[in-house]
Amino acid sequence: MTCLTRPNSIRAMTFVSCRITVAFLGLLPAALLSFCLAGCSSVSGPGSASFASVLIHNHSPQEIHAAAGQAFREDGYAGVQTAPNQMVFDKEASRLATISRDGLIAAQNGARTIERVRTELVDLGGGSYRLQCQAFMVSGAGDSFFENEVRKTNLRSGPYQSLLNKVAKKLASTKPPAS
């Protein structure tokens, strides 16, 4: 009630709240932009490499595939080469992931969800390659009719980027073949 009797204090409170609102609205676009870019390791790379990728120089595709296979196997994945430049790795997802994707009843009846990683080796020329991958959660794994592959968002790329970094590090520690 004292605010009603003091018009100057009302003006002062309105002025302060307006300043706070303007400051907040001024920072909002910057906050939104930083949030949108938080999962991106590079905005300038090609879209196909936006999930997780590494550049590898002076190693053959066979060496890169062997190192990738070893790194993924060490992390619990089983994999196969599906094309000369592609590999697919699967690993059973957690029980919680299976319950959240397939449901409690299905999980108790043996349904399983797997993590699937598809890698691709892109020849950049001059002895350079980009090893890139995309990860998926696969519900109903093993059932060709009900299998449902759902792509993971770029915000979930951290563990896969770490795996690709291990591949690059492993190759960097080995001597490249003599040309």
C-alpha atoms as a PDB file:
ATOM      1  CA  MET A   1       0.000   0.000   0.000  1.00  0.00           C
ATOM      2  CA  THR A   2       2.905   2.372   0.554  1.00  0.00           C
ATOM      3  CA  CYS A   3       3.785   2.088  -3.140  1.00  0.00           C
ATOM      4  CA  LEU A   4       0.474   3.616  -4.037  1.00  0.00           C
ATOM      5  CA  THR A   5       1.200   6.649  -1.937  1.00  0.00           C
ATOM      6  CA  ARG A   6       4.679   7.078  -3.430  1.00  0.00           C
ATOM      7  CA  PRO A   7       4.524   7.502  -7.175  1.00  0.00           C
ATOM      8  CA  ASN A   8       8.314   8.011  -7.438  1.00  0.00           C
ATOM      9  CA  SER A   9       9.035   4.588  -5.933  1.00  0.00           C
ATOM     10  CA  ILE A  10       6.678   2.976  -8.434  1.00  0.00           C
ATOM     11  CA  ARG A  11       8.512   4.661 -11.277  1.00  0.00           C
ATOM     12  CA  ALA A  12      11.841   3.541  -9.819  1.00  0.00           C
ATOM     13  CA  MET A  13      10.654  -0.072  -9.487  1.00  0.00           C
ATOM     14  CA  THR A  14       9.308  -0.044 -13.049  1.00  0.00           C
ATOM     15  CA  PHE A  15      12.572   1.417 -14.327  1.00  0.00           C
ATOM     16  CA  VAL A  16      14.619  -1.313 -12.565  1.00  0.00           C
ATOM     17  CA  SER A  17      12.384  -4.138 -13.800  1.00  0.00           C
ATOM     18  CA  CYS A  18      12.543  -2.753 -17.348  1.00  0.00           C
ATOM     19  CA  ARG A  19      16.354  -2.626 -17.173  1.00  0.00           C
ATOM     20  CA  ILE A  20      16.479  -6.232 -15.986  1.00  0.00           C
ATOM     21  CA  THR A  21      14.110  -7.328 -18.769  1.00  0.00           C
ATOM     22  CA  VAL A  22      16.151  -5.507 -21.437  1.00  0.00           C
ATOM     23  CA  ALA A  23      19.390  -7.029 -20.114  1.00  0.00           C
ATOM     24  CA  PHE A  24      17.835 -10.504 -20.123  1.00  0.00           C
ATOM     25  CA  LEU A  25      16.467 -10.122 -23.658  1.00  0.00           C
ATOM     26  CA  GLY A  26      19.848  -8.836 -24.820  1.00  0.00           C
ATOM     27  CA  LEU A  27      21.605 -11.972 -23.525  1.00  0.00           C
ATOM     28  CA  LEU A  28      18.943 -14.410 -24.700  1.00  0.00           C
ATOM     29  CA  PRO A  29      20.104 -14.681 -28.363  1.00  0.00           C
ATOM     30  CA  ALA A  30      23.718 -15.270 -27.281  1.00  0.00           C
ATOM     31  CA  ALA A  31      22.618 -17.950 -24.820  1.00  0.00           C
ATOM     32  CA  LEU A  32      20.480 -19.695 -27.444  1.00  0.00           C
ATOM     33  CA  LEU A  33      23.300 -19.628 -30.003  1.00  0.00           C
ATOM     34  CA  SER A  34      25.816 -21.104 -27.550  1.00  0.00           C
ATOM     35  CA  PHE A  35      23.315 -23.805 -26.548  1.00  0.00           C
ATOM     36  CA  CYS A  36      22.701 -24.751 -30.198  1.00  0.00           C
ATOM     37  CA  LEU A  37      26.422 -25.029 -30.886  1.00  0.00           C
ATOM     38  CA  ALA A  38      27.271 -26.867 -27.657  1.00  0.00           C
ATOM     39  CA  GLY A  39      27.258 -30.334 -29.237  1.00  0.00           C
ATOM     40  CA  CYS A  40      29.126 -29.345 -32.371  1.00  0.00           C
ATOM     41  CA  SER A  41      32.860 -29.855 -32.459  1.00  0.00           C
ATOM     42  CA  SER A  42      33.086 -28.017 -35.748  1.00  0.00           C
ATOM     43  CA  VAL A  43      30.577 -25.871 -37.564  1.00  0.00           C
ATOM     44  CA  SER A  44      32.690 -25.671 -40.717  1.00  0.00           C
ATOM     45  CA  GLY A  45      32.950 -29.419 -41.489  1.00  0.00           C
ATOM     46  CA  PRO A  46      30.691 -31.349 -43.843  1.00  0.00           C
ATOM     47  CA  GLY A  47      27.313 -32.405 -42.515  1.00  0.00           C
ATOM     48  CA  SER A  48      28.168 -36.091 -42.812  1.00  0.00           C
ATOM     49  CA  ALA A  49      31.074 -35.597 -40.386  1.00  0.00           C
ATOM     50  CA  SER A  50      29.053 -33.592 -37.858  1.00  0.00           C
ATOM     51  CA  PHE A  51      28.436 -36.457 -35.410  1.00  0.00           C
ATOM     52  CA  ALA A  52      32.006 -37.655 -34.791  1.00  0.00           C
ATOM     53  CA  SER A  53      35.054 -37.731 -37.075  1.00  0.00           C
ATOM     54  CA  VAL A  54      38.856 -37.646 -37.152  1.00  0.00           C
ATOM     55  CA  LEU A  55      41.389 -36.905 -39.859  1.00  0.00           C
ATOM     56  CA  ILE A  56      44.077 -39.529 -40.434  1.00  0.00           C
ATOM     57  CA  HIS A  57      47.154 -38.962 -42.593  1.00  0.00           C
ATOM     58  CA  ASN A  58      49.655 -41.363 -44.201  1.00  0.00           C
ATOM     59  CA  HIS A  59      47.948 -44.650 -43.322  1.00  0.00           C
ATOM     60  CA  SER A  60      46.260 -47.153 -45.608  1.00  0.00           C
ATOM     61  CA  PRO A  61      42.531 -47.935 -45.388  1.00  0.00           C
ATOM     62  CA  GLN A  62      43.434 -51.436 -44.160  1.00  0.00           C
ATOM     63  CA  GLU A  63      45.470 -50.006 -41.272  1.00  0.00           C
ATOM     64  CA  ILE A  64      42.695 -47.575 -40.387  1.00  0.00           C
ATOM     65  CA  HIS A  65      40.041 -50.322 -40.435  1.00  0.00           C
ATOM     66  CA  ALA A  66      42.249 -52.599 -38.308  1.00  0.00           C
ATOM     67  CA  ALA A  67      42.843 -49.833 -35.733  1.00  0.00           C
ATOM     68  CA  ALA A  68      39.123 -48.922 -35.679  1.00  0.00           C
ATOM     69  CA  GLY A  69      38.150 -52.570 -35.205  1.00  0.00           C
ATOM     70  CA  GLN A  70      40.600 -52.922 -32.331  1.00  0.00           C
ATOM     71  CA  ALA A  71      39.445 -49.698 -30.605  1.00  0.00           C
ATOM     72  CA  PHE A  72      35.762 -50.638 -30.871  1.00  0.00           C
ATOM     73  CA  ARG A  73      36.412 -54.245 -29.716  1.00  0.00           C
ATOM     74  CA  GLU A  74      38.281 -52.902 -26.667  1.00  0.00           C
ATOM     75  CA  ASP A  75      35.135 -50.907 -25.848  1.00  0.00           C
ATOM     76  CA  GLY A  76      32.886 -53.994 -26.059  1.00  0.00           C
ATOM     77  CA  TYR A  77      31.637 -53.743 -29.645  1.00  0.00           C
ATOM     78  CA  ALA A  78      31.505 -56.542 -32.202  1.00  0.00           C
ATOM     79  CA  GLY A  79      31.917 -55.401 -35.780  1.00  0.00           C
ATOM     80  CA  VAL A  80      32.016 -56.358 -39.427  1.00  0.00           C
ATOM     81  CA  GLN A  81      33.143 -54.621 -42.571  1.00  0.00           C
ATOM     82  CA  THR A  82      30.070 -54.117 -44.770  1.00  0.00           C
ATOM     83  CA  ALA A  83      31.768 -52.396 -47.730  1.00  0.00           C
ATOM     84  CA  PRO A  84      35.342 -51.441 -48.661  1.00  0.00           C
ATOM     85  CA  ASN A  85      34.961 -48.137 -46.813  1.00  0.00           C
ATOM     86  CA  GLN A  86      32.296 -48.978 -44.190  1.00  0.00           C
ATOM     87  CA  MET A  87      32.110 -50.930 -40.937  1.00  0.00           C
ATOM     88  CA  VAL A  88      29.245 -51.587 -38.512  1.00  0.00           C
ATOM     89  CA  PHE A  89      29.770 -52.168 -34.782  1.00  0.00           C
ATOM     90  CA  ASP A  90      27.131 -53.419 -32.326  1.00  0.00           C
ATOM     91  CA  LYS A  91      27.101 -53.524 -28.529  1.00  0.00           C
ATOM     92  CA  GLU A  92      24.283 -54.480 -26.197  1.00  0.00           C
ATOM     93  CA  ALA A  93      22.751 -51.417 -24.565  1.00  0.00           C
ATOM     94  CA  SER A  94      22.053 -51.157 -20.855  1.00  0.00           C
ATOM     95  CA  ARG A  95      19.050 -52.849 -19.284  1.00  0.00           C
ATOM     96  CA  LEU A  96      17.570 -49.412 -18.610  1.00  0.00           C
ATOM     97  CA  ALA A  97      17.878 -48.489 -22.303  1.00  0.00           C
ATOM     98  CA  THR A  98      16.102 -51.720 -23.253  1.00  0.00           C
ATOM     99  CA  ILE A  99      13.287 -51.033 -20.783  1.00  0.00           C
ATOM    100  CA  SER A 100      12.900 -47.426 -21.966  1.00  0.00           C
ATOM    101  CA  ARG A 101      12.839 -48.385 -25.651  1.00  0.00           C
ATOM    102  CA  ASP A 102      11.044 -51.753 -25.662  1.00  0.00           C
ATOM    103  CA  GLY A 103       9.095 -51.634 -22.408  1.00  0.00           C
ATOM    104  CA  LEU A 104       9.313 -53.587 -19.156  1.00  0.00           C
ATOM    105  CA  ILE A 105       7.305 -56.591 -20.305  1.00  0.00           C
ATOM    106  CA  ALA A 106       9.283 -56.977 -23.532  1.00  0.00           C
ATOM    107  CA  ALA A 107      12.580 -56.593 -21.655  1.00  0.00           C
ATOM    108  CA  GLN A 108      11.559 -59.330 -19.216  1.00  0.00           C
ATOM    109  CA  ASN A 109      10.656 -61.541 -22.185  1.00  0.00           C
ATOM    110  CA  GLY A 110      14.113 -61.204 -23.732  1.00  0.00           C
ATOM    111  CA  ALA A 111      13.858 -58.130 -25.941  1.00  0.00           C
ATOM    112  CA  ARG A 112      17.172 -56.370 -26.339  1.00  0.00           C
ATOM    113  CA  THR A 113      18.286 -52.972 -27.478  1.00  0.00           C
ATOM    114  CA  ILE A 114      21.699 -52.467 -28.993  1.00  0.00           C
ATOM    115  CA  GLU A 115      23.937 -49.511 -29.737  1.00  0.00           C
ATOM    116  CA  ARG A 116      24.978 -49.558 -33.383  1.00  0.00           C
ATOM    117  CA  VAL A 117      27.803 -47.468 -34.789  1.00  0.00           C
ATOM    118  CA  ARG A 118      28.253 -47.125 -38.534  1.00  0.00           C
ATOM    119  CA  THR A 119      31.691 -45.924 -39.607  1.00  0.00           C
ATOM    120  CA  GLU A 120      32.720 -44.635 -42.993  1.00  0.00           C
ATOM    121  CA  LEU A 121      36.193 -43.926 -44.309  1.00  0.00           C
ATOM    122  CA  VAL A 122      36.249 -40.991 -46.731  1.00  0.00           C
ATOM    123  CA  ASP A 123      39.279 -40.554 -49.016  1.00  0.00           C
ATOM    124  CA  LEU A 124      40.288 -36.878 -48.986  1.00  0.00           C
ATOM    125  CA  GLY A 125      43.187 -37.396 -51.406  1.00  0.00           C
ATOM    126  CA  GLY A 126      46.896 -36.999 -50.827  1.00  0.00           C
ATOM    127  CA  GLY A 127      47.057 -39.878 -48.327  1.00  0.00           C
ATOM    128  CA  SER A 128      44.485 -38.284 -46.000  1.00  0.00           C
ATOM    129  CA  TYR A 129      41.274 -39.904 -44.812  1.00  0.00           C
ATOM    130  CA  ARG A 130      38.369 -38.856 -42.629  1.00  0.00           C
ATOM    131  CA  LEU A 131      37.021 -41.612 -40.381  1.00  0.00           C
ATOM    132  CA  GLN A 132      33.491 -40.608 -39.440  1.00  0.00           C
ATOM    133  CA  CYS A 133      30.699 -42.362 -37.643  1.00  0.00           C
ATOM    134  CA  GLN A 134      27.047 -42.147 -36.738  1.00  0.00           C
ATOM    135  CA  ALA A 135      25.481 -43.925 -33.747  1.00  0.00           C
ATOM    136  CA  PHE A 136      22.025 -45.463 -33.441  1.00  0.00           C
ATOM    137  CA  MET A 137      19.892 -47.095 -30.764  1.00  0.00           C
ATOM    138  CA  VAL A 138      18.287 -50.232 -32.188  1.00  0.00           C
ATOM    139  CA  SER A 139      15.112 -51.559 -30.572  1.00  0.00           C
ATOM    140  CA  GLY A 140      13.984 -55.096 -31.271  1.00  0.00           C
ATOM    141  CA  ALA A 141      17.511 -56.049 -32.282  1.00  0.00           C
ATOM    142  CA  GLY A 142      17.808 -59.363 -34.060  1.00  0.00           C
ATOM    143  CA  ASP A 143      14.239 -59.316 -35.384  1.00  0.00           C
ATOM    144  CA  SER A 144      14.463 -58.264 -39.028  1.00  0.00           C
ATOM    145  CA  PHE A 145      10.799 -57.247 -39.135  1.00  0.00           C
ATOM    146  CA  PHE A 146      10.562 -55.258 -35.881  1.00  0.00           C
ATOM    147  CA  GLU A 147      14.105 -53.874 -35.688  1.00  0.00           C
ATOM    148  CA  ASN A 148      13.911 -50.087 -35.324  1.00  0.00           C
ATOM    149  CA  GLU A 149      17.067 -48.001 -35.780  1.00  0.00           C
ATOM    150  CA  VAL A 150      16.930 -44.501 -34.250  1.00  0.00           C
ATOM    151  CA  ARG A 151      19.782 -42.079 -34.884  1.00  0.00           C
ATOM    152  CA  LYS A 152      21.417 -40.487 -31.830  1.00  0.00           C
ATOM    153  CA  THR A 153      21.555 -36.705 -31.718  1.00  0.00           C
ATOM    154  CA  ASN A 154      24.815 -34.808 -32.115  1.00  0.00           C
ATOM    155  CA  LEU A 155      24.664 -33.913 -28.423  1.00  0.00           C
ATOM    156  CA  ARG A 156      25.332 -37.621 -27.708  1.00  0.00           C
ATOM    157  CA  SER A 157      28.507 -37.830 -29.822  1.00  0.00           C
ATOM    158  CA  GLY A 158      31.075 -37.549 -26.988  1.00  0.00           C
ATOM    159  CA  PRO A 159      31.793 -41.260 -26.376  1.00  0.00           C
ATOM    160  CA  TYR A 160      32.022 -41.946 -30.108  1.00  0.00           C
ATOM    161  CA  GLN A 161      34.340 -39.007 -30.702  1.00  0.00           C
ATOM    162  CA  SER A 162      36.550 -40.429 -27.944  1.00  0.00           C
ATOM    163  CA  LEU A 163      36.628 -43.811 -29.696  1.00  0.00           C
ATOM    164  CA  LEU A 164      37.628 -42.204 -32.995  1.00  0.00           C
ATOM    165  CA  ASN A 165      40.280 -40.158 -31.171  1.00  0.00           C
ATOM    166  CA  LYS A 166      41.678 -43.455 -29.814  1.00  0.00           C
ATOM    167  CA  VAL A 167      41.885 -44.782 -33.374  1.00  0.00           C
ATOM    168  CA  ALA A 168      43.774 -41.680 -34.516  1.00  0.00           C
ATOM    169  CA  LYS A 169      46.090 -41.829 -31.493  1.00  0.00           C
ATOM    170  CA  LYS A 170      46.774 -45.529 -32.043  1.00  0.00           C
ATOM    171  CA  LEU A 171      47.667 -44.855 -35.687  1.00  0.00           C
ATOM    172  CA  ALA A 172      49.780 -41.817 -34.811  1.00  0.00           C
ATOM    173  CA  SER A 173      51.878 -43.970 -32.466  1.00  0.00           C
ATOM    174  CA  THR A 174      52.622 -46.450 -35.264  1.00  0.00           C
ATOM    175  CA  LYS A 175      55.091 -45.709 -37.987  1.00  0.00           C
ATOM    176  CA  PRO A 176      53.421 -44.931 -41.342  1.00  0.00           C
ATOM    177  CA  PRO A 177      54.375 -47.237 -44.225  1.00  0.00           C
ATOM    178  CA  ALA A 178      57.360 -46.203 -46.367  1.00  0.00           C
ATOM    179  CA  SER A 179      56.288 -44.668 -49.655  1.00  0.00           C
END
